[in-house]
Amino acid sequence: MGISEKLGALVAIVILAAGASADEREIPEKKRTTLGLYVTSAEAYEIWKESPDAVKILDVRTPEEYIFVGHAEMAFNIPFAFQTHGWDADRKRLVMKRNPDFLAAAQSWAAPTDTILTMCRSGGRSAIAVNALAEAGFTTVYNIIDGMEGDLVDDSTSVFHGKRMRNGWKNAGLPWTYEVDPERVLLSAEPEEPAGKP
């Protein structure tokens, strides 16, 4: 049995131990991918922990999110999109612009057959990133469906209503940090000129 078969079996065991197979889960449309491979944050951590040399965790959030919100200790950051300073009035948020170097950075970081567990804030952007990777030839890319921060609490009686306190890496008590390892942040081929000291 090769490494990919062993990892596939491991993923199946972790998901079954969690109580439901990927096919039995109700995955929201915005978190679905063309590859159809899904794990929760807790499952992703268990899978990585069993085989840290063979499993890669990819965080596709913006560098600002990765640094200031925190990130899984073992995750590499290749932003799928960058935040701009333009405001989208309809969506009531800042406009995002796709990272033109995303696929090139991913291809320099991982082989198309590597097992990659992909996360964003709550599973939406990571689904789009998984689809882009699949289109580029990657075959074993899972979407971490609850992401780093989890889903919104939808309970108007709760003090946490409207906050990302439901599931997610941080809410599961998994290891995360604000510390940045520059070797794990893959931005663009050409570094920008550093800003002067304040």
C-alpha atoms as a PDB file:
ATOM      1  CA  MET A   1       0.000   0.000   0.000  1.00  0.00           C
ATOM      2  CA  GLY A   2       1.462   3.355  -1.086  1.00  0.00           C
ATOM      3  CA  ILE A   3       1.498   6.545   0.971  1.00  0.00           C
ATOM      4  CA  SER A   4      -1.600   8.003  -0.723  1.00  0.00           C
ATOM      5  CA  GLU A   5      -3.586   4.803  -0.060  1.00  0.00           C
ATOM      6  CA  LYS A   6      -2.448   4.799   3.576  1.00  0.00           C
ATOM      7  CA  LEU A   7      -3.443   8.449   3.967  1.00  0.00           C
ATOM      8  CA  GLY A   8      -6.802   7.776   2.314  1.00  0.00           C
ATOM      9  CA  ALA A   9      -7.439   4.965   4.776  1.00  0.00           C
ATOM     10  CA  LEU A  10      -6.374   7.201   7.670  1.00  0.00           C
ATOM     11  CA  VAL A  11      -8.733   9.961   6.552  1.00  0.00           C
ATOM     12  CA  ALA A  12     -11.599   7.456   6.331  1.00  0.00           C
ATOM     13  CA  ILE A  13     -10.863   6.149   9.829  1.00  0.00           C
ATOM     14  CA  VAL A  14     -10.731   9.661  11.337  1.00  0.00           C
ATOM     15  CA  ILE A  15     -13.995  10.679   9.641  1.00  0.00           C
ATOM     16  CA  LEU A  16     -15.776   7.482  10.686  1.00  0.00           C
ATOM     17  CA  ALA A  17     -14.537   7.929  14.260  1.00  0.00           C
ATOM     18  CA  ALA A  18     -16.079  11.406  14.190  1.00  0.00           C
ATOM     19  CA  GLY A  19     -19.461   9.813  13.526  1.00  0.00           C
ATOM     20  CA  ALA A  20     -20.296  10.504   9.876  1.00  0.00           C
ATOM     21  CA  SER A  21     -18.795   9.838   6.493  1.00  0.00           C
ATOM     22  CA  ALA A  22     -18.144  12.744   4.132  1.00  0.00           C
ATOM     23  CA  ASP A  23     -21.044  11.560   1.971  1.00  0.00           C
ATOM     24  CA  GLU A  24     -23.434  11.737   4.946  1.00  0.00           C
ATOM     25  CA  ARG A  25     -22.517  15.310   5.923  1.00  0.00           C
ATOM     26  CA  GLU A  26     -24.606  18.224   4.852  1.00  0.00           C
ATOM     27  CA  ILE A  27     -21.964  20.426   3.248  1.00  0.00           C
ATOM     28  CA  PRO A  28     -23.281  23.919   2.426  1.00  0.00           C
ATOM     29  CA  GLU A  29     -23.092  24.701  -1.285  1.00  0.00           C
ATOM     30  CA  LYS A  30     -20.484  27.455  -0.826  1.00  0.00           C
ATOM     31  CA  LYS A  31     -18.159  24.974   0.917  1.00  0.00           C
ATOM     32  CA  ARG A  32     -18.457  22.206  -1.698  1.00  0.00           C
ATOM     33  CA  THR A  33     -15.613  21.391  -4.053  1.00  0.00           C
ATOM     34  CA  THR A  34     -15.184  19.542  -7.328  1.00  0.00           C
ATOM     35  CA  LEU A  35     -13.017  16.959  -5.553  1.00  0.00           C
ATOM     36  CA  GLY A  36     -15.655  16.299  -2.885  1.00  0.00           C
ATOM     37  CA  LEU A  37     -13.091  15.827  -0.087  1.00  0.00           C
ATOM     38  CA  TYR A  38     -14.045  17.339   3.279  1.00  0.00           C
ATOM     39  CA  VAL A  39     -12.802  17.329   6.870  1.00  0.00           C
ATOM     40  CA  THR A  40     -13.527  19.372   9.972  1.00  0.00           C
ATOM     41  CA  SER A  41     -10.745  21.208  11.766  1.00  0.00           C
ATOM     42  CA  ALA A  42     -10.605  18.554  14.470  1.00  0.00           C
ATOM     43  CA  GLU A  43     -10.361  15.792  11.848  1.00  0.00           C
ATOM     44  CA  ALA A  44      -7.704  17.721   9.926  1.00  0.00           C
ATOM     45  CA  TYR A  45      -5.578  18.038  13.040  1.00  0.00           C
ATOM     46  CA  GLU A  46      -5.850  14.307  13.805  1.00  0.00           C
ATOM     47  CA  ILE A  47      -4.924  13.420  10.214  1.00  0.00           C
ATOM     48  CA  TRP A  48      -1.939  15.791  10.242  1.00  0.00           C
ATOM     49  CA  LYS A  49      -0.841  14.531  13.676  1.00  0.00           C
ATOM     50  CA  GLU A  50      -0.821  10.906  12.435  1.00  0.00           C
ATOM     51  CA  SER A  51       1.357  11.759   9.432  1.00  0.00           C
ATOM     52  CA  PRO A  52       2.954  15.235   9.715  1.00  0.00           C
ATOM     53  CA  ASP A  53       5.580  14.512   7.066  1.00  0.00           C
ATOM     54  CA  ALA A  54       3.031  13.430   4.455  1.00  0.00           C
ATOM     55  CA  VAL A  55       0.101  15.790   5.126  1.00  0.00           C
ATOM     56  CA  LYS A  56       0.286  19.530   4.430  1.00  0.00           C
ATOM     57  CA  ILE A  57      -1.999  22.182   5.872  1.00  0.00           C
ATOM     58  CA  LEU A  58      -2.602  25.170   3.615  1.00  0.00           C
ATOM     59  CA  ASP A  59      -4.099  28.400   4.942  1.00  0.00           C
ATOM     60  CA  VAL A  60      -5.411  30.506   2.043  1.00  0.00           C
ATOM     61  CA  ARG A  61      -6.505  33.534   4.095  1.00  0.00           C
ATOM     62  CA  THR A  62      -4.956  36.951   3.636  1.00  0.00           C
ATOM     63  CA  PRO A  63      -1.587  37.601   5.302  1.00  0.00           C
ATOM     64  CA  GLU A  64      -3.378  39.988   7.673  1.00  0.00           C
ATOM     65  CA  GLU A  65      -5.754  37.241   8.832  1.00  0.00           C
ATOM     66  CA  TYR A  66      -2.923  34.727   9.123  1.00  0.00           C
ATOM     67  CA  ILE A  67      -0.843  37.103  11.252  1.00  0.00           C
ATOM     68  CA  PHE A  68      -3.400  39.045  13.312  1.00  0.00           C
ATOM     69  CA  VAL A  69      -6.192  36.484  13.792  1.00  0.00           C
ATOM     70  CA  GLY A  70      -3.695  33.662  14.263  1.00  0.00           C
ATOM     71  CA  HIS A  71      -3.098  30.426  12.398  1.00  0.00           C
ATOM     72  CA  ALA A  72      -2.589  26.713  12.883  1.00  0.00           C
ATOM     73  CA  GLU A  73       1.021  26.242  14.001  1.00  0.00           C
ATOM     74  CA  MET A  74       1.841  23.874  11.124  1.00  0.00           C
ATOM     75  CA  ALA A  75      -0.039  25.730   8.379  1.00  0.00           C
ATOM     76  CA  PHE A  76       1.589  27.360   5.387  1.00  0.00           C
ATOM     77  CA  ASN A  77       0.046  30.604   4.146  1.00  0.00           C
ATOM     78  CA  ILE A  78      -0.493  31.025   0.426  1.00  0.00           C
ATOM     79  CA  PRO A  79      -3.226  33.681   0.126  1.00  0.00           C
ATOM     80  CA  PHE A  80      -5.886  32.890  -2.451  1.00  0.00           C
ATOM     81  CA  ALA A  81      -6.869  36.564  -2.499  1.00  0.00           C
ATOM     82  CA  PHE A  82      -5.710  39.856  -1.064  1.00  0.00           C
ATOM     83  CA  GLN A  83      -7.851  42.420   0.664  1.00  0.00           C
ATOM     84  CA  THR A  84      -8.052  45.781  -1.107  1.00  0.00           C
ATOM     85  CA  HIS A  85      -9.062  49.112   0.373  1.00  0.00           C
ATOM     86  CA  GLY A  86     -12.147  49.338  -1.846  1.00  0.00           C
ATOM     87  CA  TRP A  87     -15.575  48.930  -0.235  1.00  0.00           C
ATOM     88  CA  ASP A  88     -18.269  46.636  -1.667  1.00  0.00           C
ATOM     89  CA  ALA A  89     -21.487  48.355  -0.551  1.00  0.00           C
ATOM     90  CA  ASP A  90     -23.722  45.448  -1.622  1.00  0.00           C
ATOM     91  CA  ARG A  91     -21.772  42.848   0.349  1.00  0.00           C
ATOM     92  CA  LYS A  92     -20.820  45.298   3.133  1.00  0.00           C
ATOM     93  CA  ARG A  93     -17.168  44.353   3.171  1.00  0.00           C
ATOM     94  CA  LEU A  94     -13.823  45.203   1.609  1.00  0.00           C
ATOM     95  CA  VAL A  95     -13.233  44.033  -1.953  1.00  0.00           C
ATOM     96  CA  MET A  96     -10.962  41.019  -2.384  1.00  0.00           C
ATOM     97  CA  LYS A  97      -8.615  40.640  -5.348  1.00  0.00           C
ATOM     98  CA  ARG A  98      -7.402  37.193  -6.412  1.00  0.00           C
ATOM     99  CA  ASN A  99      -3.701  36.492  -5.864  1.00  0.00           C
ATOM    100  CA  PRO A 100      -2.193  36.036  -9.355  1.00  0.00           C
ATOM    101  CA  ASP A 101       0.683  34.012  -7.847  1.00  0.00           C
ATOM    102  CA  PHE A 102      -1.498  31.550  -5.920  1.00  0.00           C
ATOM    103  CA  LEU A 103      -1.156  28.557  -8.246  1.00  0.00           C
ATOM    104  CA  ALA A 104       2.538  29.133  -8.939  1.00  0.00           C
ATOM    105  CA  ALA A 105       3.267  29.320  -5.211  1.00  0.00           C
ATOM    106  CA  ALA A 106       1.181  26.202  -4.516  1.00  0.00           C
ATOM    107  CA  GLN A 107       2.925  24.292  -7.307  1.00  0.00           C
ATOM    108  CA  SER A 108       6.344  25.235  -5.920  1.00  0.00           C
ATOM    109  CA  TRP A 109       5.258  24.164  -2.420  1.00  0.00           C
ATOM    110  CA  ALA A 110       3.481  20.861  -3.101  1.00  0.00           C
ATOM    111  CA  ALA A 111       3.284  18.068  -5.664  1.00  0.00           C
ATOM    112  CA  PRO A 112      -0.069  17.417  -7.394  1.00  0.00           C
ATOM    113  CA  THR A 113      -0.417  14.092  -5.537  1.00  0.00           C
ATOM    114  CA  ASP A 114       0.352  15.457  -2.041  1.00  0.00           C
ATOM    115  CA  THR A 115      -2.381  15.327   0.586  1.00  0.00           C
ATOM    116  CA  ILE A 116      -3.331  18.931   1.327  1.00  0.00           C
ATOM    117  CA  LEU A 117      -5.831  20.078   3.954  1.00  0.00           C
ATOM    118  CA  THR A 118      -6.973  23.586   3.014  1.00  0.00           C
ATOM    119  CA  MET A 119      -8.465  26.209   5.316  1.00  0.00           C
ATOM    120  CA  CYS A 120      -9.684  29.780   5.312  1.00  0.00           C
ATOM    121  CA  ARG A 121     -11.834  31.638   7.841  1.00  0.00           C
ATOM    122  CA  SER A 122     -14.888  29.351   7.635  1.00  0.00           C
ATOM    123  CA  GLY A 123     -14.664  27.103   4.558  1.00  0.00           C
ATOM    124  CA  GLY A 124     -15.871  29.266   1.651  1.00  0.00           C
ATOM    125  CA  ARG A 125     -12.659  30.706   0.196  1.00  0.00           C
ATOM    126  CA  SER A 126     -10.857  27.430   0.822  1.00  0.00           C
ATOM    127  CA  ALA A 127     -13.478  25.657  -1.331  1.00  0.00           C
ATOM    128  CA  ILE A 128     -12.734  28.066  -4.192  1.00  0.00           C
ATOM    129  CA  ALA A 129      -8.986  27.516  -3.664  1.00  0.00           C
ATOM    130  CA  VAL A 130      -9.460  23.715  -3.676  1.00  0.00           C
ATOM    131  CA  ASN A 131     -11.299  23.987  -7.001  1.00  0.00           C
ATOM    132  CA  ALA A 132      -8.471  26.086  -8.476  1.00  0.00           C
ATOM    133  CA  LEU A 133      -5.910  23.532  -7.275  1.00  0.00           C
ATOM    134  CA  ALA A 134      -7.988  20.673  -8.701  1.00  0.00           C
ATOM    135  CA  GLU A 135      -8.203  22.434 -12.050  1.00  0.00           C
ATOM    136  CA  ALA A 136      -4.396  22.769 -11.967  1.00  0.00           C
ATOM    137  CA  GLY A 137      -4.027  18.995 -11.484  1.00  0.00           C
ATOM    138  CA  PHE A 138      -3.953  18.522  -7.703  1.00  0.00           C
ATOM    139  CA  THR A 139      -5.856  15.363  -6.788  1.00  0.00           C
ATOM    140  CA  THR A 140      -6.009  15.016  -2.986  1.00  0.00           C
ATOM    141  CA  VAL A 141      -7.018  18.395  -1.607  1.00  0.00           C
ATOM    142  CA  TYR A 142      -9.505  18.492   1.259  1.00  0.00           C
ATOM    143  CA  ASN A 143     -11.574  21.471   2.301  1.00  0.00           C
ATOM    144  CA  ILE A 144     -11.517  22.095   6.061  1.00  0.00           C
ATOM    145  CA  ILE A 145     -15.209  22.978   6.160  1.00  0.00           C
ATOM    146  CA  ASP A 146     -15.211  24.967   9.408  1.00  0.00           C
ATOM    147  CA  GLY A 147     -11.953  26.851   8.827  1.00  0.00           C
ATOM    148  CA  MET A 148      -9.885  28.741  11.362  1.00  0.00           C
ATOM    149  CA  GLU A 149     -12.649  30.771  13.006  1.00  0.00           C
ATOM    150  CA  GLY A 150     -15.732  28.620  12.413  1.00  0.00           C
ATOM    151  CA  ASP A 151     -19.296  29.481  11.531  1.00  0.00           C
ATOM    152  CA  LEU A 152     -21.505  32.258  12.875  1.00  0.00           C
ATOM    153  CA  VAL A 153     -23.696  31.612  15.891  1.00  0.00           C
ATOM    154  CA  ASP A 154     -27.304  32.139  14.758  1.00  0.00           C
ATOM    155  CA  ASP A 155     -29.100  32.523  18.071  1.00  0.00           C
ATOM    156  CA  SER A 156     -30.415  35.964  18.987  1.00  0.00           C
ATOM    157  CA  THR A 157     -30.587  34.942  22.669  1.00  0.00           C
ATOM    158  CA  SER A 158     -26.868  34.197  22.784  1.00  0.00           C
ATOM    159  CA  VAL A 159     -24.187  36.712  23.722  1.00  0.00           C
ATOM    160  CA  PHE A 160     -22.229  35.161  20.826  1.00  0.00           C
ATOM    161  CA  HIS A 161     -24.958  35.829  18.216  1.00  0.00           C
ATOM    162  CA  GLY A 162     -23.323  36.873  14.930  1.00  0.00           C
ATOM    163  CA  LYS A 163     -19.847  35.866  16.094  1.00  0.00           C
ATOM    164  CA  ARG A 164     -17.725  33.026  14.736  1.00  0.00           C
ATOM    165  CA  MET A 165     -17.895  30.855  17.820  1.00  0.00           C
ATOM    166  CA  ARG A 166     -19.429  27.701  16.294  1.00  0.00           C
ATOM    167  CA  ASN A 167     -16.838  25.038  15.356  1.00  0.00           C
ATOM    168  CA  GLY A 168     -13.539  25.985  13.659  1.00  0.00           C
ATOM    169  CA  TRP A 169      -9.873  25.406  14.507  1.00  0.00           C
ATOM    170  CA  LYS A 170      -9.633  28.009  17.292  1.00  0.00           C
ATOM    171  CA  ASN A 171     -12.959  27.063  18.899  1.00  0.00           C
ATOM    172  CA  ALA A 172     -11.955  23.372  18.914  1.00  0.00           C
ATOM    173  CA  GLY A 173      -8.961  24.213  21.113  1.00  0.00           C
ATOM    174  CA  LEU A 174      -6.442  23.052  18.510  1.00  0.00           C
ATOM    175  CA  PRO A 175      -2.874  24.450  18.512  1.00  0.00           C
ATOM    176  CA  TRP A 176      -2.600  27.881  16.935  1.00  0.00           C
ATOM    177  CA  THR A 177      -0.303  30.853  17.202  1.00  0.00           C
ATOM    178  CA  TYR A 178       0.321  34.481  16.240  1.00  0.00           C
ATOM    179  CA  GLU A 179       4.029  33.706  15.760  1.00  0.00           C
ATOM    180  CA  VAL A 180       5.067  33.937  12.114  1.00  0.00           C
ATOM    181  CA  ASP A 181       7.659  31.659  10.561  1.00  0.00           C
ATOM    182  CA  PRO A 182       8.705  33.471   7.342  1.00  0.00           C
ATOM    183  CA  GLU A 183       9.416  30.077   5.749  1.00  0.00           C
ATOM    184  CA  ARG A 184       5.703  29.256   6.034  1.00  0.00           C
ATOM    185  CA  VAL A 185       4.399  32.442   4.383  1.00  0.00           C
ATOM    186  CA  LEU A 186       4.552  32.196   0.596  1.00  0.00           C
ATOM    187  CA  LEU A 187       3.455  35.460  -0.930  1.00  0.00           C
ATOM    188  CA  SER A 188       4.954  36.600  -4.221  1.00  0.00           C
ATOM    189  CA  ALA A 189       8.127  35.895  -6.121  1.00  0.00           C
ATOM    190  CA  GLU A 190       9.411  39.436  -5.590  1.00  0.00           C
ATOM    191  CA  PRO A 191       9.478  40.819  -2.041  1.00  0.00           C
ATOM    192  CA  GLU A 192       8.075  44.299  -1.615  1.00  0.00           C
ATOM    193  CA  GLU A 193      10.273  47.129  -0.395  1.00  0.00           C
ATOM    194  CA  PRO A 194      10.023  47.167   3.418  1.00  0.00           C
ATOM    195  CA  ALA A 195       8.368  50.170   5.033  1.00  0.00           C
ATOM    196  CA  GLY A 196      10.545  52.497   7.070  1.00  0.00           C
ATOM    197  CA  LYS A 197      10.715  52.254  10.815  1.00  0.00           C
ATOM    198  CA  PRO A 198       7.926  54.090  12.669  1.00  0.00           C
END
